[in-house]
Protein backbone atom coordinates (compact mmCIF):
# COMPACT_ATOMS: atom_id res chain seq x y z
CA MET A 1 -0.53 -40.56 152.90
CA PRO A 2 3.37 -41.05 151.67
CA ARG A 3 2.08 -41.14 148.24
CA ILE A 4 0.33 -37.69 148.37
CA LEU A 5 3.37 -36.27 150.11
CA ALA A 6 5.71 -37.50 147.29
CA LEU A 7 3.25 -36.19 144.50
CA ALA A 8 2.98 -33.06 146.11
CA ALA A 9 6.75 -32.77 146.23
CA THR A 10 7.14 -33.78 142.64
CA LEU A 11 4.76 -31.29 141.70
CA ALA A 12 6.36 -28.62 143.54
CA LEU A 13 9.87 -29.25 142.06
CA LEU A 14 8.09 -29.05 138.22
CA ALA A 15 6.57 -25.96 139.37
CA LEU A 16 9.89 -24.06 139.89
CA PRO A 17 11.18 -21.94 136.95
CA ALA A 18 13.72 -23.37 134.63
CA GLN A 19 17.14 -21.85 135.31
CA ALA A 20 18.46 -20.70 131.96
CA ALA A 21 22.17 -20.39 131.24
CA CYS A 22 23.56 -16.81 130.91
CA TYR A 23 26.52 -15.79 129.01
CA ALA A 24 28.21 -12.43 128.16
CA ASP A 25 30.58 -11.32 125.38
CA TYR A 26 33.34 -8.87 126.41
CA LYS A 27 36.54 -6.99 125.17
CA ALA A 28 39.63 -7.11 127.54
CA LYS A 29 43.25 -5.87 127.38
CA GLN A 30 46.45 -6.69 128.90
CA ASP A 31 49.45 -4.12 129.11
CA ASN A 32 53.10 -4.60 128.30
CA PRO A 33 52.68 -5.60 125.62
CA LEU A 34 49.32 -4.65 124.82
CA ARG A 35 47.32 -7.52 123.85
CA LEU A 36 43.36 -7.23 123.28
CA ALA A 37 40.96 -9.83 123.38
CA TYR A 38 37.32 -10.73 122.62
CA GLY A 39 35.78 -13.49 124.63
CA VAL A 40 32.79 -15.30 126.07
CA ILE A 41 32.25 -15.80 129.63
CA GLU A 42 29.55 -18.30 131.41
CA LEU A 43 27.68 -16.15 134.27
CA PRO A 44 25.77 -17.28 137.40
CA ASP A 45 21.86 -16.70 137.06
CA THR A 46 22.48 -13.68 139.32
CA ALA A 47 24.61 -11.95 137.02
CA CYS A 48 22.38 -11.93 133.62
CA THR A 49 22.00 -8.02 133.69
CA PRO A 50 24.90 -5.89 131.94
CA ALA A 51 25.84 -4.35 135.08
CA ALA A 52 26.17 -7.58 137.08
CA ALA A 53 27.89 -9.20 134.23
CA GLN A 54 30.32 -6.36 134.13
CA ALA A 55 31.22 -6.74 137.68
CA GLU A 56 31.56 -10.71 137.73
CA ALA A 57 33.64 -10.29 134.47
CA ALA A 58 35.89 -7.83 135.57
CA ARG A 59 36.46 -9.75 138.73
CA ARG A 60 37.34 -13.08 136.80
CA LEU A 61 39.46 -11.37 134.23
CA ALA A 62 41.58 -9.33 136.79
CA ALA A 63 42.53 -12.44 138.41
CA GLN A 64 44.14 -13.56 135.31
CA GLY A 65 46.02 -10.24 134.62
CA TRP A 66 43.19 -8.88 132.04
CA THR A 67 41.34 -5.76 132.39
CA LEU A 68 37.80 -5.51 131.12
CA LEU A 69 37.12 -2.86 128.84
CA ASN A 70 33.28 -3.49 128.19
CA ILE A 71 30.46 -6.23 128.13
CA VAL A 72 29.19 -6.17 124.34
CA SER A 73 26.06 -8.19 125.37
CA VAL A 74 24.38 -10.53 127.67
CA PHE A 75 22.51 -13.49 126.10
CA GLY A 76 21.17 -17.12 126.43
CA PRO A 77 22.71 -20.34 125.24
CA GLU A 78 21.19 -19.61 121.67
CA GLY A 79 23.92 -17.18 120.87
CA LEU A 80 26.89 -19.28 122.02
CA GLU A 81 27.37 -21.07 118.48
CA GLY A 82 27.49 -17.78 116.72
CA ARG A 83 30.45 -16.12 118.91
CA LYS A 84 32.52 -19.28 119.27
CA ALA A 85 34.78 -18.76 116.53
CA ASN A 86 35.40 -15.04 117.18
CA ALA A 87 36.00 -15.71 120.76
CA GLY A 88 38.77 -18.41 119.71
CA ALA A 89 40.97 -19.35 122.99
CA HIS A 90 38.70 -17.09 125.07
CA PHE A 91 35.43 -18.93 124.56
CA LEU A 92 34.31 -19.85 128.04
CA ARG A 93 37.89 -19.59 129.37
CA TYR A 94 37.35 -17.52 132.64
């Protein structure tokens, strides 16, 4: 009986959907002096829509003195490498 329960538990875990990583690229600014930034931010699974990404990124950036201007796009891990050079110091910083 314990073997059957262990097998059932293992099968149940395998049946769960895989959680894909979620990222967004954004544009932000700081005032006095004016500074503009393009960056990439990792998001929780619950923020994988543009609207949710906007709220999450705005909150994190504001904590560091930045104002979010807009979310450019929301994407998966396949889009990271192509954005890394453009994001520079703001790549996965916040």
